[in-house]
């Protein structure tokens, strides 16, 4: 279950202690580090009401609305163009300030139904990275398929052997940790045959097939409306394959095809790509070279960290996930304002 804004945990307790002591108030008056923090989301909604991957639920609509209100009050929430100008050093306004950009990966339908209206109500631009083969589809991506399989599985204890050996005991370590361990196995660089992984996992877990009768991703008409209303659209590749698992030709196809489809369908030139999964081992130097060759101005990773002037590679622009806890956002943001660093 997603925590409610202002909930407990160590970040909540620490943030409340600092707020009561006056430390956060004092630090907020100090000059900020010149910096760019990119907060990334996936889905907006309640993970408890869904059998698919809870890890892609970033916040409920109410939590997301509170986070955007907080960011608007405390930092300079920027557009994609402003963020890219900061990264490449071409920004006209050289004033030192803490900048925050809001991004979303995958293009789930709730991005259109919930996230975009909230952002628009606050006058904030969101950047939505779309998987072009999923747009408007009922498709169940691999992470959601694994989650559904495990949550409906008849086997609570099972073994997987590809691409490495993994013993899973759901009753002993719980569903959340069990699911994370199976998803980590899928993401390993040795997994060069995803179809084999899914086939062997299905045999071991004996779960149900997920329903494919409900549209799960926003469609092109909705993307066009979002673009007209100020949202920025980028690429998340064509098929959401992990790029580090692919050879150069396949990587080129994933990056070039998605960019061409976005131009054809939306009439926009996609200058940016978010690498699927985005961890350090999910893309390579070859990926960055291909992104530049295809015509992307920047590539976004997703393994944490912030972006500082003159210290950010345009093809490894770092992003950060915060989760639903507003107290954690307060604390992380204050640390970031002063130091330019996050976890």
C-alpha atoms as a PDB file:
ATOM      1  CA  UNK A   1       0.000   0.000   0.000  1.00  0.00           C
ATOM      2  CA  UNK A   2       1.312   3.443  -0.900  1.00  0.00           C
ATOM      3  CA  UNK A   3       2.003   5.603   2.110  1.00  0.00           C
ATOM      4  CA  UNK A   4      -0.108   8.690   2.548  1.00  0.00           C
ATOM      5  CA  UNK A   5       1.543  12.067   2.269  1.00  0.00           C
ATOM      6  CA  UNK A   6       3.055  12.997   5.588  1.00  0.00           C
ATOM      7  CA  UNK A   7       3.267   9.372   6.684  1.00  0.00           C
ATOM      8  CA  UNK A   8       5.847   7.843   9.006  1.00  0.00           C
ATOM      9  CA  UNK A   9       9.093   6.053   8.425  1.00  0.00           C
ATOM     10  CA  UNK A  10      12.582   7.335   9.123  1.00  0.00           C
ATOM     11  CA  UNK A  11      12.319  10.157   6.595  1.00  0.00           C
ATOM     12  CA  UNK A  12       8.995  11.258   8.043  1.00  0.00           C
ATOM     13  CA  UNK A  13      10.328  11.259  11.603  1.00  0.00           C
ATOM     14  CA  UNK A  14      13.506  13.101  10.626  1.00  0.00           C
ATOM     15  CA  UNK A  15      11.637  15.693   8.561  1.00  0.00           C
ATOM     16  CA  UNK A  16       9.180  16.355  11.388  1.00  0.00           C
ATOM     17  CA  UNK A  17      12.022  16.702  13.904  1.00  0.00           C
ATOM     18  CA  UNK A  18      13.852  19.150  11.681  1.00  0.00           C
ATOM     19  CA  UNK A  19      10.686  21.125  11.033  1.00  0.00           C
ATOM     20  CA  UNK A  20       9.841  21.401  14.744  1.00  0.00           C
ATOM     21  CA  UNK A  21      13.428  22.394  15.552  1.00  0.00           C
ATOM     22  CA  UNK A  22      13.311  25.178  12.991  1.00  0.00           C
ATOM     23  CA  UNK A  23      16.228  23.717  11.016  1.00  0.00           C
ATOM     24  CA  UNK A  24      14.254  23.432   7.783  1.00  0.00           C
ATOM     25  CA  UNK A  25      13.063  27.029   8.119  1.00  0.00           C
ATOM     26  CA  UNK A  26      16.600  28.309   8.689  1.00  0.00           C
ATOM     27  CA  UNK A  27      18.037  26.261   5.812  1.00  0.00           C
ATOM     28  CA  UNK A  28      15.288  27.484   3.461  1.00  0.00           C
ATOM     29  CA  UNK A  29      16.635  31.034   3.895  1.00  0.00           C
ATOM     30  CA  UNK A  30      20.148  30.095   2.768  1.00  0.00           C
ATOM     31  CA  UNK A  31      21.119  30.577  -0.897  1.00  0.00           C
ATOM     32  CA  UNK A  32      20.452  27.440  -2.970  1.00  0.00           C
ATOM     33  CA  UNK A  33      23.022  25.473  -4.945  1.00  0.00           C
ATOM     34  CA  UNK A  34      22.671  26.043  -8.690  1.00  0.00           C
ATOM     35  CA  UNK A  35      21.215  22.697  -9.696  1.00  0.00           C
ATOM     36  CA  UNK A  36      18.581  20.634 -11.495  1.00  0.00           C
ATOM     37  CA  UNK A  37      16.622  17.818  -9.848  1.00  0.00           C
ATOM     38  CA  UNK A  38      14.454  15.669 -12.096  1.00  0.00           C
ATOM     39  CA  UNK A  39      11.679  13.829 -10.263  1.00  0.00           C
ATOM     40  CA  UNK A  40      10.381  10.817 -12.166  1.00  0.00           C
ATOM     41  CA  UNK A  41       7.002   9.107 -11.836  1.00  0.00           C
ATOM     42  CA  UNK A  42       5.322   6.175 -13.570  1.00  0.00           C
ATOM     43  CA  UNK A  43       1.730   5.583 -12.488  1.00  0.00           C
ATOM     44  CA  UNK A  44      -0.661   7.693 -10.445  1.00  0.00           C
ATOM     45  CA  UNK A  45      -3.258   5.698  -8.522  1.00  0.00           C
ATOM     46  CA  UNK A  46      -3.741   3.199  -5.713  1.00  0.00           C
ATOM     47  CA  UNK A  47      -1.541   0.098  -5.943  1.00  0.00           C
ATOM     48  CA  UNK A  48      -3.871  -1.806  -3.581  1.00  0.00           C
ATOM     49  CA  UNK A  49      -6.619  -1.743  -6.184  1.00  0.00           C
ATOM     50  CA  UNK A  50      -4.475  -3.387  -8.876  1.00  0.00           C
ATOM     51  CA  UNK A  51      -2.885  -6.820  -9.358  1.00  0.00           C
ATOM     52  CA  UNK A  52      -0.160  -5.383 -11.560  1.00  0.00           C
ATOM     53  CA  UNK A  53       3.283  -4.202 -10.471  1.00  0.00           C
ATOM     54  CA  UNK A  54       2.930  -2.028  -7.337  1.00  0.00           C
ATOM     55  CA  UNK A  55       6.430  -0.684  -7.895  1.00  0.00           C
ATOM     56  CA  UNK A  56       5.278   1.528 -10.767  1.00  0.00           C
ATOM     57  CA  UNK A  57       2.664   3.302  -8.644  1.00  0.00           C
ATOM     58  CA  UNK A  58       4.449   6.502  -7.641  1.00  0.00           C
ATOM     59  CA  UNK A  59       1.641   8.174  -5.663  1.00  0.00           C
ATOM     60  CA  UNK A  60      -2.112   8.514  -5.415  1.00  0.00           C
ATOM     61  CA  UNK A  61      -3.733  11.484  -7.137  1.00  0.00           C
ATOM     62  CA  UNK A  62      -4.059  13.272  -3.794  1.00  0.00           C
ATOM     63  CA  UNK A  63      -0.407  12.658  -2.898  1.00  0.00           C
ATOM     64  CA  UNK A  64       0.758  13.800  -6.317  1.00  0.00           C
ATOM     65  CA  UNK A  65      -1.315  16.989  -6.077  1.00  0.00           C
ATOM     66  CA  UNK A  66       0.221  17.777  -2.667  1.00  0.00           C
ATOM     67  CA  UNK A  67       3.725  17.176  -3.992  1.00  0.00           C
ATOM     68  CA  UNK A  68       3.233  19.531  -6.933  1.00  0.00           C
ATOM     69  CA  UNK A  69       1.768  22.208  -4.634  1.00  0.00           C
ATOM     70  CA  UNK A  70       4.805  21.867  -2.376  1.00  0.00           C
ATOM     71  CA  UNK A  71       7.283  22.059  -5.249  1.00  0.00           C
ATOM     72  CA  UNK A  72       5.567  25.131  -6.706  1.00  0.00           C
ATOM     73  CA  UNK A  73       5.891  26.929  -3.353  1.00  0.00           C
ATOM     74  CA  UNK A  74       9.519  26.058  -2.722  1.00  0.00           C
ATOM     75  CA  UNK A  75      11.520  25.702  -5.950  1.00  0.00           C
ATOM     76  CA  UNK A  76      11.632  26.789  -9.569  1.00  0.00           C
ATOM     77  CA  UNK A  77       9.637  24.119 -11.428  1.00  0.00           C
ATOM     78  CA  UNK A  78      10.980  24.290 -14.990  1.00  0.00           C
ATOM     79  CA  UNK A  79      10.015  23.147 -18.471  1.00  0.00           C
ATOM     80  CA  UNK A  80      11.900  20.577 -20.524  1.00  0.00           C
ATOM     81  CA  UNK A  81      13.458  23.310 -22.674  1.00  0.00           C
ATOM     82  CA  UNK A  82      14.649  25.157 -19.570  1.00  0.00           C
ATOM     83  CA  UNK A  83      16.098  21.948 -18.127  1.00  0.00           C
ATOM     84  CA  UNK A  84      17.952  21.122 -21.343  1.00  0.00           C
ATOM     85  CA  UNK A  85      19.337  24.660 -21.541  1.00  0.00           C
ATOM     86  CA  UNK A  86      20.684  24.197 -18.007  1.00  0.00           C
ATOM     87  CA  UNK A  87      22.301  20.880 -18.967  1.00  0.00           C
ATOM     88  CA  UNK A  88      24.048  22.226 -22.061  1.00  0.00           C
ATOM     89  CA  UNK A  89      24.879  25.617 -20.522  1.00  0.00           C
ATOM     90  CA  UNK A  90      22.823  27.733 -22.933  1.00  0.00           C
ATOM     91  CA  UNK A  91      20.333  29.129 -20.404  1.00  0.00           C
ATOM     92  CA  UNK A  92      19.972  32.912 -20.588  1.00  0.00           C
ATOM     93  CA  UNK A  93      19.151  33.367 -16.919  1.00  0.00           C
ATOM     94  CA  UNK A  94      22.329  32.606 -15.009  1.00  0.00           C
ATOM     95  CA  UNK A  95      20.827  33.211 -11.554  1.00  0.00           C
ATOM     96  CA  UNK A  96      21.658  30.484  -9.025  1.00  0.00           C
ATOM     97  CA  UNK A  97      18.573  28.509  -8.162  1.00  0.00           C
ATOM     98  CA  UNK A  98      17.183  25.082  -7.437  1.00  0.00           C
ATOM     99  CA  UNK A  99      15.300  23.785 -10.497  1.00  0.00           C
ATOM    100  CA  UNK A 100      12.928  20.799 -10.588  1.00  0.00           C
ATOM    101  CA  UNK A 101      11.580  19.026 -13.684  1.00  0.00           C
ATOM    102  CA  UNK A 102       8.655  16.565 -13.554  1.00  0.00           C
ATOM    103  CA  UNK A 103       8.792  13.497 -15.817  1.00  0.00           C
ATOM    104  CA  UNK A 104       6.751  10.321 -16.383  1.00  0.00           C
ATOM    105  CA  UNK A 105       7.755   7.029 -18.006  1.00  0.00           C
ATOM    106  CA  UNK A 106       5.711   4.469 -19.982  1.00  0.00           C
ATOM    107  CA  UNK A 107       2.557   6.447 -20.864  1.00  0.00           C
ATOM    108  CA  UNK A 108      -0.019   4.651 -18.728  1.00  0.00           C
ATOM    109  CA  UNK A 109      -3.602   5.863 -19.180  1.00  0.00           C
ATOM    110  CA  UNK A 110      -3.615   7.418 -15.702  1.00  0.00           C
ATOM    111  CA  UNK A 111      -0.935   9.841 -16.928  1.00  0.00           C
ATOM    112  CA  UNK A 112      -3.634  11.361 -19.136  1.00  0.00           C
ATOM    113  CA  UNK A 113      -6.583  10.918 -16.776  1.00  0.00           C
ATOM    114  CA  UNK A 114      -4.942  11.995 -13.504  1.00  0.00           C
ATOM    115  CA  UNK A 115      -1.390  13.316 -13.754  1.00  0.00           C
ATOM    116  CA  UNK A 116      -1.747  15.696 -16.685  1.00  0.00           C
ATOM    117  CA  UNK A 117      -4.872  17.476 -15.322  1.00  0.00           C
ATOM    118  CA  UNK A 118      -3.177  17.950 -11.934  1.00  0.00           C
ATOM    119  CA  UNK A 119      -0.047  19.374 -13.533  1.00  0.00           C
ATOM    120  CA  UNK A 120      -2.112  21.629 -15.762  1.00  0.00           C
ATOM    121  CA  UNK A 121      -4.139  22.924 -12.806  1.00  0.00           C
ATOM    122  CA  UNK A 122      -0.878  24.120 -11.230  1.00  0.00           C
ATOM    123  CA  UNK A 123       0.596  25.509 -14.433  1.00  0.00           C
ATOM    124  CA  UNK A 124       3.405  22.930 -14.404  1.00  0.00           C
ATOM    125  CA  UNK A 125       4.723  21.148 -17.479  1.00  0.00           C
ATOM    126  CA  UNK A 126       5.107  17.387 -17.331  1.00  0.00           C
ATOM    127  CA  UNK A 127       7.407  15.454 -19.660  1.00  0.00           C
ATOM    128  CA  UNK A 128       5.862  12.154 -20.760  1.00  0.00           C
ATOM    129  CA  UNK A 129       8.152   9.512 -22.249  1.00  0.00           C
ATOM    130  CA  UNK A 130       6.063   7.164 -24.409  1.00  0.00           C
ATOM    131  CA  UNK A 131       6.740   3.592 -25.524  1.00  0.00           C
ATOM    132  CA  UNK A 132       5.450   3.942 -29.080  1.00  0.00           C
ATOM    133  CA  UNK A 133       4.401   0.291 -29.523  1.00  0.00           C
ATOM    134  CA  UNK A 134       2.281   0.519 -26.354  1.00  0.00           C
ATOM    135  CA  UNK A 135       0.413   3.740 -27.135  1.00  0.00           C
ATOM    136  CA  UNK A 136      -3.345   3.111 -27.052  1.00  0.00           C
ATOM    137  CA  UNK A 137      -2.896  -0.607 -26.367  1.00  0.00           C
ATOM    138  CA  UNK A 138      -4.172  -3.238 -23.923  1.00  0.00           C
ATOM    139  CA  UNK A 139      -0.663  -4.674 -23.810  1.00  0.00           C
ATOM    140  CA  UNK A 140       0.658  -6.075 -20.521  1.00  0.00           C
ATOM    141  CA  UNK A 141       4.379  -5.193 -20.223  1.00  0.00           C
ATOM    142  CA  UNK A 142       6.767  -7.690 -18.693  1.00  0.00           C
ATOM    143  CA  UNK A 143       6.909  -6.123 -15.228  1.00  0.00           C
ATOM    144  CA  UNK A 144       3.116  -6.119 -14.922  1.00  0.00           C
ATOM    145  CA  UNK A 145       2.882  -9.638 -16.327  1.00  0.00           C
ATOM    146  CA  UNK A 146       5.345 -10.949 -13.725  1.00  0.00           C
ATOM    147  CA  UNK A 147       3.432  -9.217 -10.932  1.00  0.00           C
ATOM    148  CA  UNK A 148       0.049 -10.566 -12.044  1.00  0.00           C
ATOM    149  CA  UNK A 149       1.514 -14.037 -12.451  1.00  0.00           C
ATOM    150  CA  UNK A 150       2.946 -14.025  -8.929  1.00  0.00           C
ATOM    151  CA  UNK A 151      -0.105 -12.510  -7.221  1.00  0.00           C
ATOM    152  CA  UNK A 152      -2.352 -15.174  -8.766  1.00  0.00           C
ATOM    153  CA  UNK A 153       0.216 -17.985  -8.642  1.00  0.00           C
ATOM    154  CA  UNK A 154      -0.595 -21.405  -7.229  1.00  0.00           C
ATOM    155  CA  UNK A 155       3.058 -21.894  -6.253  1.00  0.00           C
ATOM    156  CA  UNK A 156       4.185 -19.858  -3.242  1.00  0.00           C
ATOM    157  CA  UNK A 157       7.616 -21.486  -3.290  1.00  0.00           C
ATOM    158  CA  UNK A 158       9.420 -21.982  -6.590  1.00  0.00           C
ATOM    159  CA  UNK A 159      12.799 -21.984  -8.336  1.00  0.00           C
ATOM    160  CA  UNK A 160      13.923 -20.089 -11.422  1.00  0.00           C
ATOM    161  CA  UNK A 161      17.047 -21.054 -13.360  1.00  0.00           C
ATOM    162  CA  UNK A 162      17.317 -18.498 -16.162  1.00  0.00           C
ATOM    163  CA  UNK A 163      19.313 -16.302 -16.494  1.00  0.00           C
ATOM    164  CA  UNK A 164      20.570 -17.408 -13.034  1.00  0.00           C
ATOM    165  CA  UNK A 165      19.347 -19.552 -10.177  1.00  0.00           C
ATOM    166  CA  UNK A 166      16.819 -17.970  -7.820  1.00  0.00           C
ATOM    167  CA  UNK A 167      14.875 -19.585  -4.975  1.00  0.00           C
ATOM    168  CA  UNK A 168      11.661 -17.771  -4.028  1.00  0.00           C
ATOM    169  CA  UNK A 169       9.557 -18.389  -0.924  1.00  0.00           C
ATOM    170  CA  UNK A 170       6.668 -15.920  -0.870  1.00  0.00           C
ATOM    171  CA  UNK A 171       5.372 -17.040   2.535  1.00  0.00           C
ATOM    172  CA  UNK A 172       8.784 -16.535   4.135  1.00  0.00           C
ATOM    173  CA  UNK A 173       9.887 -13.171   2.676  1.00  0.00           C
ATOM    174  CA  UNK A 174       6.555 -11.715   1.546  1.00  0.00           C
ATOM    175  CA  UNK A 175       5.100 -10.853  -1.841  1.00  0.00           C
ATOM    176  CA  UNK A 176       6.773  -7.445  -2.195  1.00  0.00           C
ATOM    177  CA  UNK A 177      10.335  -8.688  -1.732  1.00  0.00           C
ATOM    178  CA  UNK A 178       9.640 -11.846  -3.742  1.00  0.00           C
ATOM    179  CA  UNK A 179       8.374  -9.788  -6.656  1.00  0.00           C
ATOM    180  CA  UNK A 180      11.371  -7.457  -6.498  1.00  0.00           C
ATOM    181  CA  UNK A 181      13.749 -10.422  -6.598  1.00  0.00           C
ATOM    182  CA  UNK A 182      12.085 -11.899  -9.707  1.00  0.00           C
ATOM    183  CA  UNK A 183      12.041  -8.526 -11.479  1.00  0.00           C
ATOM    184  CA  UNK A 184      15.728  -8.040 -10.643  1.00  0.00           C
ATOM    185  CA  UNK A 185      16.440 -11.423 -12.195  1.00  0.00           C
ATOM    186  CA  UNK A 186      14.626 -10.406 -15.385  1.00  0.00           C
ATOM    187  CA  UNK A 187      16.709  -7.203 -15.623  1.00  0.00           C
ATOM    188  CA  UNK A 188      20.060  -8.973 -15.404  1.00  0.00           C
ATOM    189  CA  UNK A 189      22.275  -8.426 -18.466  1.00  0.00           C
ATOM    190  CA  UNK A 190      22.494 -12.204 -18.962  1.00  0.00           C
ATOM    191  CA  UNK A 191      18.786 -12.302 -19.820  1.00  0.00           C
ATOM    192  CA  UNK A 192      19.178 -12.229 -23.585  1.00  0.00           C
ATOM    193  CA  UNK A 193      16.007 -14.275 -24.181  1.00  0.00           C
ATOM    194  CA  UNK A 194      13.080 -12.557 -22.386  1.00  0.00           C
ATOM    195  CA  UNK A 195      10.554 -14.960 -23.942  1.00  0.00           C
ATOM    196  CA  UNK A 196      12.372 -17.897 -22.360  1.00  0.00           C
ATOM    197  CA  UNK A 197      12.374 -16.119 -18.983  1.00  0.00           C
ATOM    198  CA  UNK A 198       8.613 -15.544 -19.115  1.00  0.00           C
ATOM    199  CA  UNK A 199       7.896 -19.069 -20.299  1.00  0.00           C
ATOM    200  CA  UNK A 200       9.946 -20.693 -17.549  1.00  0.00           C
ATOM    201  CA  UNK A 201       8.578 -18.318 -14.907  1.00  0.00           C
ATOM    202  CA  UNK A 202       5.005 -19.150 -15.940  1.00  0.00           C
ATOM    203  CA  UNK A 203       5.732 -22.876 -15.596  1.00  0.00           C
ATOM    204  CA  UNK A 204       7.333 -22.424 -12.168  1.00  0.00           C
ATOM    205  CA  UNK A 205       4.792 -20.003 -10.663  1.00  0.00           C
ATOM    206  CA  UNK A 206       1.614 -21.385 -12.264  1.00  0.00           C
ATOM    207  CA  UNK A 207      -0.199 -18.063 -12.182  1.00  0.00           C
ATOM    208  CA  UNK A 208      -3.148 -16.831 -14.215  1.00  0.00           C
ATOM    209  CA  UNK A 209      -2.874 -15.058 -17.541  1.00  0.00           C
ATOM    210  CA  UNK A 210      -3.559 -11.319 -17.100  1.00  0.00           C
ATOM    211  CA  UNK A 211      -6.656  -9.888 -18.802  1.00  0.00           C
ATOM    212  CA  UNK A 212      -6.016  -8.027 -22.049  1.00  0.00           C
ATOM    213  CA  UNK A 213      -9.474  -6.526 -22.584  1.00  0.00           C
ATOM    214  CA  UNK A 214      -8.900  -3.116 -20.949  1.00  0.00           C
ATOM    215  CA  UNK A 215      -6.856  -0.310 -22.491  1.00  0.00           C
ATOM    216  CA  UNK A 216      -3.910   0.449 -20.238  1.00  0.00           C
ATOM    217  CA  UNK A 217      -1.974   3.125 -22.119  1.00  0.00           C
ATOM    218  CA  UNK A 218      -2.943   6.575 -23.334  1.00  0.00           C
ATOM    219  CA  UNK A 219      -3.688   6.801 -27.067  1.00  0.00           C
ATOM    220  CA  UNK A 220      -2.478   9.145 -29.782  1.00  0.00           C
ATOM    221  CA  UNK A 221      -5.500  11.457 -29.572  1.00  0.00           C
ATOM    222  CA  UNK A 222      -4.882  11.865 -25.844  1.00  0.00           C
ATOM    223  CA  UNK A 223      -1.171  12.464 -26.436  1.00  0.00           C
ATOM    224  CA  UNK A 224      -2.036  15.136 -29.020  1.00  0.00           C
ATOM    225  CA  UNK A 225      -4.345  16.835 -26.540  1.00  0.00           C
ATOM    226  CA  UNK A 226      -1.678  16.752 -23.841  1.00  0.00           C
ATOM    227  CA  UNK A 227       0.859  18.237 -26.241  1.00  0.00           C
ATOM    228  CA  UNK A 228      -1.559  21.027 -27.240  1.00  0.00           C
ATOM    229  CA  UNK A 229      -2.116  21.763 -23.565  1.00  0.00           C
ATOM    230  CA  UNK A 230       1.568  22.214 -22.825  1.00  0.00           C
ATOM    231  CA  UNK A 231       2.920  18.763 -22.000  1.00  0.00           C
ATOM    232  CA  UNK A 232       6.269  17.739 -23.494  1.00  0.00           C
ATOM    233  CA  UNK A 233       6.539  14.344 -25.186  1.00  0.00           C
ATOM    234  CA  UNK A 234       9.690  12.248 -25.399  1.00  0.00           C
ATOM    235  CA  UNK A 235      10.663   8.725 -26.399  1.00  0.00           C
ATOM    236  CA  UNK A 236      10.894   5.681 -24.128  1.00  0.00           C
ATOM    237  CA  UNK A 237      11.939   3.539 -27.145  1.00  0.00           C
ATOM    238  CA  UNK A 238       9.588   1.563 -29.345  1.00  0.00           C
ATOM    239  CA  UNK A 239       9.312  -1.687 -27.379  1.00  0.00           C
ATOM    240  CA  UNK A 240      10.739  -1.003 -23.894  1.00  0.00           C
ATOM    241  CA  UNK A 241      13.473  -3.599 -24.301  1.00  0.00           C
ATOM    242  CA  UNK A 242      16.475  -3.084 -22.048  1.00  0.00           C
ATOM    243  CA  UNK A 243      18.914  -1.443 -24.422  1.00  0.00           C
ATOM    244  CA  UNK A 244      22.006  -2.990 -22.841  1.00  0.00           C
ATOM    245  CA  UNK A 245      20.599  -6.415 -23.799  1.00  0.00           C
ATOM    246  CA  UNK A 246      20.499  -5.466 -27.496  1.00  0.00           C
ATOM    247  CA  UNK A 247      23.157  -5.204 -30.177  1.00  0.00           C
ATOM    248  CA  UNK A 248      23.897  -1.860 -31.869  1.00  0.00           C
ATOM    249  CA  UNK A 249      21.529  -2.440 -34.807  1.00  0.00           C
ATOM    250  CA  UNK A 250      18.592  -3.286 -32.552  1.00  0.00           C
ATOM    251  CA  UNK A 251      19.324  -0.316 -30.308  1.00  0.00           C
ATOM    252  CA  UNK A 252      19.401   1.974 -33.332  1.00  0.00           C
ATOM    253  CA  UNK A 253      16.046   0.584 -34.488  1.00  0.00           C
ATOM    254  CA  UNK A 254      14.434   1.086 -31.055  1.00  0.00           C
ATOM    255  CA  UNK A 255      15.600   4.697 -30.806  1.00  0.00           C
ATOM    256  CA  UNK A 256      15.081   5.761 -34.415  1.00  0.00           C
ATOM    257  CA  UNK A 257      11.713   4.058 -34.914  1.00  0.00           C
ATOM    258  CA  UNK A 258      10.161   5.594 -31.813  1.00  0.00           C
ATOM    259  CA  UNK A 259      11.382   9.060 -32.772  1.00  0.00           C
ATOM    260  CA  UNK A 260       9.959   8.694 -36.293  1.00  0.00           C
ATOM    261  CA  UNK A 261       6.574   7.502 -35.001  1.00  0.00           C
ATOM    262  CA  UNK A 262       6.322  10.400 -32.527  1.00  0.00           C
ATOM    263  CA  UNK A 263       6.996  12.815 -35.387  1.00  0.00           C
ATOM    264  CA  UNK A 264       4.412  11.113 -37.622  1.00  0.00           C
ATOM    265  CA  UNK A 265       1.676  10.856 -34.985  1.00  0.00           C
ATOM    266  CA  UNK A 266       2.154  14.052 -32.993  1.00  0.00           C
ATOM    267  CA  UNK A 267       4.033  16.356 -35.335  1.00  0.00           C
ATOM    268  CA  UNK A 268       6.704  16.894 -32.673  1.00  0.00           C
ATOM    269  CA  UNK A 269      10.420  16.349 -32.892  1.00  0.00           C
ATOM    270  CA  UNK A 270      11.326  14.236 -29.867  1.00  0.00           C
ATOM    271  CA  UNK A 271      14.619  15.667 -28.636  1.00  0.00           C
ATOM    272  CA  UNK A 272      14.840  13.443 -25.569  1.00  0.00           C
ATOM    273  CA  UNK A 273      14.809   9.758 -24.737  1.00  0.00           C
ATOM    274  CA  UNK A 274      14.410   8.052 -21.372  1.00  0.00           C
ATOM    275  CA  UNK A 275      16.270   4.748 -21.315  1.00  0.00           C
ATOM    276  CA  UNK A 276      13.999   1.841 -20.218  1.00  0.00           C
ATOM    277  CA  UNK A 277      14.634   0.939 -16.552  1.00  0.00           C
ATOM    278  CA  UNK A 278      17.393   3.550 -16.610  1.00  0.00           C
ATOM    279  CA  UNK A 279      19.804   1.904 -14.170  1.00  0.00           C
ATOM    280  CA  UNK A 280      23.539   2.071 -14.862  1.00  0.00           C
ATOM    281  CA  UNK A 281      23.530  -1.387 -16.429  1.00  0.00           C
ATOM    282  CA  UNK A 282      20.419  -0.740 -18.561  1.00  0.00           C
ATOM    283  CA  UNK A 283      22.248   1.360 -21.163  1.00  0.00           C
ATOM    284  CA  UNK A 284      25.814   1.621 -22.413  1.00  0.00           C
ATOM    285  CA  UNK A 285      28.255   4.048 -23.997  1.00  0.00           C
ATOM    286  CA  UNK A 286      27.099   2.578 -27.305  1.00  0.00           C
ATOM    287  CA  UNK A 287      23.519   3.520 -26.387  1.00  0.00           C
ATOM    288  CA  UNK A 288      24.566   7.114 -25.752  1.00  0.00           C
ATOM    289  CA  UNK A 289      26.457   7.260 -29.042  1.00  0.00           C
ATOM    290  CA  UNK A 290      23.438   5.941 -30.933  1.00  0.00           C
ATOM    291  CA  UNK A 291      21.092   8.400 -29.206  1.00  0.00           C
ATOM    292  CA  UNK A 292      23.299  11.260 -30.383  1.00  0.00           C
ATOM    293  CA  UNK A 293      23.515   9.806 -33.894  1.00  0.00           C
ATOM    294  CA  UNK A 294      19.735   9.359 -34.155  1.00  0.00           C
ATOM    295  CA  UNK A 295      19.244  13.023 -33.277  1.00  0.00           C
ATOM    296  CA  UNK A 296      18.309  13.106 -29.605  1.00  0.00           C
ATOM    297  CA  UNK A 297      19.521  16.145 -27.721  1.00  0.00           C
ATOM    298  CA  UNK A 298      19.578  14.327 -24.373  1.00  0.00           C
ATOM    299  CA  UNK A 299      19.139  10.901 -22.792  1.00  0.00           C
ATOM    300  CA  UNK A 300      17.652  10.428 -19.319  1.00  0.00           C
ATOM    301  CA  UNK A 301      18.761   7.740 -16.877  1.00  0.00           C
ATOM    302  CA  UNK A 302      16.964   6.700 -13.677  1.00  0.00           C
ATOM    303  CA  UNK A 303      19.365   5.656 -10.930  1.00  0.00           C
ATOM    304  CA  UNK A 304      19.202   8.690  -8.688  1.00  0.00           C
ATOM    305  CA  UNK A 305      21.383  11.726  -8.359  1.00  0.00           C
ATOM    306  CA  UNK A 306      21.118  15.367  -9.338  1.00  0.00           C
ATOM    307  CA  UNK A 307      22.463  17.516 -12.153  1.00  0.00           C
ATOM    308  CA  UNK A 308      24.985  20.316 -11.600  1.00  0.00           C
ATOM    309  CA  UNK A 309      26.185  22.946 -14.096  1.00  0.00           C
ATOM    310  CA  UNK A 310      29.106  21.752 -16.178  1.00  0.00           C
ATOM    311  CA  UNK A 311      29.009  18.308 -14.533  1.00  0.00           C
ATOM    312  CA  UNK A 312      26.103  16.629 -16.321  1.00  0.00           C
ATOM    313  CA  UNK A 313      26.453  14.477 -19.424  1.00  0.00           C
ATOM    314  CA  UNK A 314      23.619  15.297 -21.858  1.00  0.00           C
ATOM    315  CA  UNK A 315      23.194  11.565 -22.514  1.00  0.00           C
ATOM    316  CA  UNK A 316      23.091  10.622 -18.845  1.00  0.00           C
ATOM    317  CA  UNK A 317      20.783  13.229 -17.334  1.00  0.00           C
ATOM    318  CA  UNK A 318      19.977  11.865 -13.916  1.00  0.00           C
ATOM    319  CA  UNK A 319      16.521  11.353 -12.498  1.00  0.00           C
ATOM    320  CA  UNK A 320      15.252  10.514  -9.057  1.00  0.00           C
ATOM    321  CA  UNK A 321      12.091   8.874  -7.668  1.00  0.00           C
ATOM    322  CA  UNK A 322      10.627  10.197  -4.446  1.00  0.00           C
ATOM    323  CA  UNK A 323       7.635   7.951  -3.723  1.00  0.00           C
ATOM    324  CA  UNK A 324       4.436   9.191  -2.111  1.00  0.00           C
ATOM    325  CA  UNK A 325       5.837  10.527   1.179  1.00  0.00           C
ATOM    326  CA  UNK A 326       5.658  14.343   1.309  1.00  0.00           C
ATOM    327  CA  UNK A 327       7.902  14.440   4.395  1.00  0.00           C
ATOM    328  CA  UNK A 328      10.605  12.642   2.478  1.00  0.00           C
ATOM    329  CA  UNK A 329      10.237  15.085  -0.408  1.00  0.00           C
ATOM    330  CA  UNK A 330      10.639  18.015   2.010  1.00  0.00           C
ATOM    331  CA  UNK A 331      13.800  16.562   3.487  1.00  0.00           C
ATOM    332  CA  UNK A 332      15.390  15.443   0.225  1.00  0.00           C
ATOM    333  CA  UNK A 333      14.581  18.766  -1.422  1.00  0.00           C
ATOM    334  CA  UNK A 334      16.134  20.790   1.391  1.00  0.00           C
ATOM    335  CA  UNK A 335      19.306  18.714   1.286  1.00  0.00           C
ATOM    336  CA  UNK A 336      19.363  19.106  -2.481  1.00  0.00           C
ATOM    337  CA  UNK A 337      18.835  22.884  -2.353  1.00  0.00           C
ATOM    338  CA  UNK A 338      21.878  23.338  -0.163  1.00  0.00           C
ATOM    339  CA  UNK A 339      24.260  20.675  -1.457  1.00  0.00           C
ATOM    340  CA  UNK A 340      23.130  19.790  -4.980  1.00  0.00           C
ATOM    341  CA  UNK A 341      23.137  16.122  -3.971  1.00  0.00           C
ATOM    342  CA  UNK A 342      20.489  13.451  -3.400  1.00  0.00           C
ATOM    343  CA  UNK A 343      20.726   9.733  -2.783  1.00  0.00           C
END
